[in-house]
N, C-alpha and C. Protein backbone atom coordinates (compact mmCIF):
# COMPACT_ATOMS: atom_id res chain seq x y z
N MET A 1 6.86 54.78 -11.60
CA MET A 1 7.13 53.44 -11.12
C MET A 1 7.78 52.64 -12.26
N VAL A 2 8.74 51.86 -11.91
CA VAL A 2 9.48 51.07 -12.88
C VAL A 2 8.75 49.76 -13.12
N SER A 3 8.51 49.47 -14.39
CA SER A 3 7.82 48.23 -14.71
C SER A 3 8.83 47.10 -14.86
N HIS A 4 8.33 45.91 -14.79
CA HIS A 4 9.18 44.72 -14.91
C HIS A 4 9.78 44.61 -16.31
N VAL A 5 9.06 45.08 -17.28
CA VAL A 5 9.54 45.03 -18.67
C VAL A 5 10.76 45.93 -18.84
N GLN A 6 10.73 47.12 -18.22
CA GLN A 6 11.88 48.02 -18.32
C GLN A 6 13.11 47.43 -17.64
N VAL A 7 12.91 46.83 -16.50
CA VAL A 7 14.04 46.21 -15.79
C VAL A 7 14.59 45.05 -16.60
N LEU A 8 13.71 44.25 -17.16
CA LEU A 8 14.14 43.13 -18.00
C LEU A 8 14.93 43.62 -19.21
N MET A 9 14.46 44.71 -19.83
CA MET A 9 15.17 45.26 -20.99
C MET A 9 16.56 45.77 -20.59
N LEU A 10 16.67 46.40 -19.44
CA LEU A 10 17.98 46.89 -18.98
C LEU A 10 18.94 45.73 -18.69
N VAL A 11 18.41 44.71 -18.07
CA VAL A 11 19.25 43.54 -17.76
C VAL A 11 19.71 42.87 -19.05
N LEU A 12 18.80 42.71 -20.01
CA LEU A 12 19.16 42.08 -21.28
C LEU A 12 20.16 42.94 -22.07
N LEU A 13 19.99 44.26 -22.00
CA LEU A 13 20.94 45.16 -22.67
C LEU A 13 22.32 45.05 -22.04
N PHE A 14 22.36 44.98 -20.72
CA PHE A 14 23.64 44.83 -20.02
C PHE A 14 24.28 43.49 -20.35
N LEU A 15 23.49 42.42 -20.36
CA LEU A 15 24.03 41.10 -20.68
C LEU A 15 24.52 41.02 -22.12
N ALA A 16 23.80 41.68 -23.04
CA ALA A 16 24.26 41.72 -24.43
C ALA A 16 25.60 42.44 -24.53
N GLY A 17 25.76 43.51 -23.76
CA GLY A 17 27.04 44.20 -23.72
C GLY A 17 28.16 43.32 -23.20
N LEU A 18 27.87 42.55 -22.16
CA LEU A 18 28.88 41.64 -21.61
C LEU A 18 29.25 40.55 -22.62
N VAL A 19 28.26 40.05 -23.34
CA VAL A 19 28.53 39.03 -24.36
C VAL A 19 29.41 39.61 -25.46
N LEU A 20 29.13 40.84 -25.89
CA LEU A 20 29.94 41.47 -26.93
C LEU A 20 31.37 41.72 -26.45
N ILE A 21 31.52 42.13 -25.21
CA ILE A 21 32.87 42.33 -24.66
C ILE A 21 33.62 41.00 -24.63
N GLY A 22 32.94 39.95 -24.19
CA GLY A 22 33.56 38.62 -24.15
C GLY A 22 33.96 38.13 -25.53
N ALA A 23 33.08 38.34 -26.51
CA ALA A 23 33.38 37.91 -27.88
C ALA A 23 34.57 38.70 -28.45
N GLY A 24 34.61 39.99 -28.16
CA GLY A 24 35.72 40.81 -28.64
C GLY A 24 37.04 40.40 -28.01
N LEU A 25 37.03 40.16 -26.71
CA LEU A 25 38.26 39.71 -26.04
C LEU A 25 38.69 38.35 -26.54
N TRP A 26 37.73 37.48 -26.82
CA TRP A 26 38.07 36.16 -27.33
C TRP A 26 38.76 36.28 -28.70
N MET A 27 38.23 37.17 -29.55
CA MET A 27 38.83 37.36 -30.87
C MET A 27 40.24 37.92 -30.76
N ILE A 28 40.44 38.81 -29.81
CA ILE A 28 41.76 39.43 -29.66
C ILE A 28 42.76 38.46 -29.05
N LEU A 29 42.35 37.70 -28.06
CA LEU A 29 43.29 36.90 -27.28
C LEU A 29 43.54 35.49 -27.80
N THR A 30 42.74 34.97 -28.72
CA THR A 30 42.94 33.58 -29.15
C THR A 30 44.19 33.40 -29.98
N ARG A 31 44.49 34.33 -30.85
CA ARG A 31 45.69 34.24 -31.70
C ARG A 31 45.75 32.91 -32.43
N GLU A 32 44.66 32.57 -33.06
CA GLU A 32 44.55 31.26 -33.71
C GLU A 32 45.43 31.13 -34.95
N TYR A 33 45.87 32.26 -35.50
CA TYR A 33 46.68 32.20 -36.71
C TYR A 33 48.18 32.23 -36.42
N GLN A 34 48.57 32.33 -35.16
CA GLN A 34 49.98 32.50 -34.82
C GLN A 34 50.79 31.26 -35.20
N ASP A 35 50.30 30.07 -34.95
CA ASP A 35 51.02 28.84 -35.30
C ASP A 35 51.19 28.71 -36.81
N THR A 36 50.15 29.06 -37.54
CA THR A 36 50.22 29.01 -38.99
C THR A 36 51.25 29.98 -39.52
N MET A 37 51.31 31.16 -38.95
CA MET A 37 52.30 32.16 -39.38
C MET A 37 53.72 31.65 -39.13
N LYS A 38 53.96 31.02 -37.98
CA LYS A 38 55.30 30.51 -37.67
C LYS A 38 55.69 29.41 -38.64
N THR A 39 54.78 28.51 -38.95
CA THR A 39 55.06 27.42 -39.88
C THR A 39 55.37 27.95 -41.27
N LEU A 40 54.55 28.88 -41.74
CA LEU A 40 54.77 29.45 -43.07
C LEU A 40 56.07 30.24 -43.14
N ALA A 41 56.40 30.95 -42.09
CA ALA A 41 57.64 31.71 -42.09
C ALA A 41 58.85 30.77 -42.14
N GLY A 42 58.76 29.66 -41.42
CA GLY A 42 59.86 28.69 -41.46
C GLY A 42 60.00 28.03 -42.81
N GLN A 43 58.88 27.67 -43.42
CA GLN A 43 58.93 27.03 -44.73
C GLN A 43 59.42 27.98 -45.81
N SER A 44 58.99 29.25 -45.76
CA SER A 44 59.45 30.19 -46.77
C SER A 44 60.93 30.50 -46.60
N GLY A 45 61.42 30.43 -45.38
CA GLY A 45 62.86 30.59 -45.16
C GLY A 45 63.65 29.45 -45.77
N ARG A 46 63.14 28.25 -45.66
CA ARG A 46 63.80 27.09 -46.27
C ARG A 46 63.80 27.19 -47.80
N ILE A 47 62.66 27.63 -48.34
CA ILE A 47 62.56 27.75 -49.79
C ILE A 47 63.53 28.81 -50.31
N SER A 48 63.60 29.94 -49.62
CA SER A 48 64.46 31.02 -50.10
C SER A 48 65.94 30.68 -49.95
N SER A 49 66.27 29.84 -49.00
CA SER A 49 67.68 29.48 -48.83
C SER A 49 68.16 28.47 -49.86
N LYS A 50 67.24 27.76 -50.50
CA LYS A 50 67.66 26.76 -51.50
C LYS A 50 68.34 27.43 -52.68
N SER A 51 67.60 28.25 -53.37
CA SER A 51 68.20 28.91 -54.52
C SER A 51 67.25 29.99 -55.01
N LEU A 52 67.71 31.23 -54.98
CA LEU A 52 66.88 32.31 -55.48
C LEU A 52 66.95 32.43 -56.99
N SER A 53 67.97 31.83 -57.57
CA SER A 53 68.11 31.94 -59.02
C SER A 53 67.35 30.85 -59.76
N ASP A 54 66.95 29.82 -59.05
CA ASP A 54 66.23 28.72 -59.70
C ASP A 54 64.83 29.21 -60.09
N ALA A 55 64.48 29.02 -61.33
CA ALA A 55 63.21 29.52 -61.85
C ALA A 55 62.02 28.78 -61.25
N ALA A 56 62.19 27.53 -60.82
CA ALA A 56 61.08 26.77 -60.26
C ALA A 56 60.79 27.17 -58.82
N VAL A 57 61.77 27.72 -58.12
CA VAL A 57 61.59 28.06 -56.71
C VAL A 57 60.94 29.44 -56.55
N GLN A 58 61.17 30.33 -57.49
CA GLN A 58 60.65 31.69 -57.35
C GLN A 58 59.13 31.77 -57.26
N PRO A 59 58.35 31.04 -58.06
CA PRO A 59 56.88 31.11 -57.88
C PRO A 59 56.43 30.59 -56.52
N MET A 60 57.10 29.56 -56.00
CA MET A 60 56.75 29.05 -54.68
C MET A 60 57.05 30.08 -53.61
N LEU A 61 58.17 30.77 -53.75
CA LEU A 61 58.55 31.80 -52.79
C LEU A 61 57.56 32.97 -52.83
N GLN A 62 57.15 33.36 -54.03
CA GLN A 62 56.17 34.44 -54.15
C GLN A 62 54.82 34.02 -53.57
N GLY A 63 54.43 32.79 -53.81
CA GLY A 63 53.18 32.28 -53.25
C GLY A 63 53.21 32.25 -51.73
N ALA A 64 54.34 31.82 -51.17
CA ALA A 64 54.46 31.78 -49.71
C ALA A 64 54.42 33.18 -49.12
N SER A 65 55.08 34.13 -49.77
CA SER A 65 55.07 35.50 -49.23
C SER A 65 53.67 36.12 -49.34
N GLN A 66 52.94 35.82 -50.41
CA GLN A 66 51.56 36.33 -50.54
C GLN A 66 50.65 35.69 -49.49
N LEU A 67 50.89 34.42 -49.19
CA LEU A 67 50.09 33.74 -48.18
C LEU A 67 50.35 34.33 -46.80
N ILE A 68 51.60 34.63 -46.50
CA ILE A 68 51.94 35.24 -45.21
C ILE A 68 51.31 36.63 -45.10
N GLU A 69 51.33 37.40 -46.17
CA GLU A 69 50.70 38.72 -46.16
C GLU A 69 49.20 38.61 -45.96
N SER A 70 48.58 37.63 -46.58
CA SER A 70 47.13 37.45 -46.44
C SER A 70 46.77 37.08 -45.01
N ILE A 71 47.55 36.21 -44.40
CA ILE A 71 47.28 35.81 -43.02
C ILE A 71 47.51 36.98 -42.08
N THR A 72 48.53 37.80 -42.36
CA THR A 72 48.77 38.98 -41.54
C THR A 72 47.59 39.94 -41.61
N LYS A 73 47.05 40.14 -42.80
CA LYS A 73 45.88 41.01 -42.95
C LYS A 73 44.67 40.42 -42.23
N MET A 74 44.53 39.09 -42.26
CA MET A 74 43.42 38.45 -41.57
C MET A 74 43.52 38.66 -40.06
N VAL A 75 44.75 38.56 -39.52
CA VAL A 75 44.96 38.78 -38.09
C VAL A 75 44.63 40.22 -37.73
N GLN A 76 45.07 41.17 -38.55
CA GLN A 76 44.78 42.57 -38.28
C GLN A 76 43.27 42.84 -38.33
N THR A 77 42.59 42.21 -39.26
CA THR A 77 41.14 42.37 -39.35
C THR A 77 40.46 41.78 -38.12
N ALA A 78 40.93 40.63 -37.67
CA ALA A 78 40.35 40.01 -36.48
C ALA A 78 40.58 40.89 -35.25
N LEU A 79 41.75 41.50 -35.13
CA LEU A 79 42.01 42.38 -34.00
C LEU A 79 41.12 43.61 -34.05
N GLY A 80 40.94 44.17 -35.23
CA GLY A 80 40.06 45.32 -35.37
C GLY A 80 38.62 44.99 -35.04
N THR A 81 38.17 43.84 -35.48
CA THR A 81 36.81 43.41 -35.18
C THR A 81 36.64 43.16 -33.68
N GLY A 82 37.63 42.55 -33.07
CA GLY A 82 37.58 42.32 -31.62
C GLY A 82 37.54 43.61 -30.84
N ALA A 83 38.35 44.59 -31.25
CA ALA A 83 38.34 45.88 -30.56
C ALA A 83 36.98 46.58 -30.74
N PHE A 84 36.41 46.48 -31.94
CA PHE A 84 35.09 47.08 -32.17
C PHE A 84 34.02 46.43 -31.30
N LEU A 85 34.07 45.10 -31.18
CA LEU A 85 33.09 44.41 -30.35
C LEU A 85 33.23 44.81 -28.89
N CYS A 86 34.46 44.95 -28.42
CA CYS A 86 34.67 45.38 -27.03
C CYS A 86 34.13 46.79 -26.81
N LEU A 87 34.38 47.67 -27.75
CA LEU A 87 33.89 49.04 -27.65
C LEU A 87 32.37 49.09 -27.68
N LEU A 88 31.77 48.34 -28.57
CA LEU A 88 30.30 48.30 -28.66
C LEU A 88 29.69 47.70 -27.39
N GLY A 89 30.31 46.64 -26.86
CA GLY A 89 29.82 46.04 -25.63
C GLY A 89 29.92 46.98 -24.45
N SER A 90 31.03 47.71 -24.38
CA SER A 90 31.19 48.69 -23.30
C SER A 90 30.15 49.79 -23.42
N THR A 91 29.85 50.21 -24.63
CA THR A 91 28.83 51.23 -24.85
C THR A 91 27.46 50.73 -24.42
N LEU A 92 27.14 49.49 -24.75
CA LEU A 92 25.84 48.94 -24.34
C LEU A 92 25.74 48.82 -22.83
N CYS A 93 26.81 48.38 -22.17
CA CYS A 93 26.80 48.28 -20.71
C CYS A 93 26.65 49.66 -20.08
N GLY A 94 27.40 50.62 -20.61
CA GLY A 94 27.29 51.99 -20.08
C GLY A 94 25.91 52.58 -20.31
N LEU A 95 25.34 52.31 -21.48
CA LEU A 95 23.99 52.80 -21.79
C LEU A 95 22.95 52.20 -20.85
N SER A 96 23.08 50.91 -20.57
CA SER A 96 22.10 50.29 -19.68
C SER A 96 22.26 50.82 -18.25
N LEU A 97 23.49 51.07 -17.82
CA LEU A 97 23.67 51.64 -16.49
C LEU A 97 23.15 53.08 -16.42
N TRP A 98 23.36 53.84 -17.48
CA TRP A 98 22.86 55.21 -17.51
C TRP A 98 21.33 55.23 -17.50
N LEU A 99 20.73 54.34 -18.28
CA LEU A 99 19.27 54.27 -18.29
C LEU A 99 18.69 53.82 -16.95
N SER A 100 19.44 52.98 -16.24
CA SER A 100 18.95 52.54 -14.93
C SER A 100 18.98 53.68 -13.91
N THR A 101 19.89 54.65 -14.09
CA THR A 101 19.89 55.78 -13.16
C THR A 101 18.75 56.76 -13.44
N LEU A 102 18.22 56.73 -14.66
CA LEU A 102 17.11 57.61 -15.00
C LEU A 102 15.78 57.14 -14.44
N MET A 103 15.71 55.88 -14.07
CA MET A 103 14.45 55.31 -13.59
C MET A 103 14.18 55.71 -12.17
C-alpha cells in the first residue's frame, strides 16, 4: 500500500524537477547580456576607427576587447548552466515518474 509520505515525496520530486527546468530555460532564454555586448561592440568599433597608431587609444581598445571576451565567456557559462539545470530537472521528473510506476 502506498503511504501519503511516499506520494508527497514523489510530487515534491516532480515539482523540484519542473522548477529546475524552468530555471534552466530562464537562464538560456533571457539573454540579459546581449544589449551590453551590442553596446560594447559599437563603442570598440568607434575607438578602433579613430586611430590605431595613437598610443593612448591602444590600451582602451585592448580593454574593450578583453571586456567583450569576458562577457562572451559569461554568456557561454550561463548557457551551459542553463542546459545543465534543464537536464537535471528532466532527470528528476523522469525519476519521479519511474518511481511512481513502481508503487
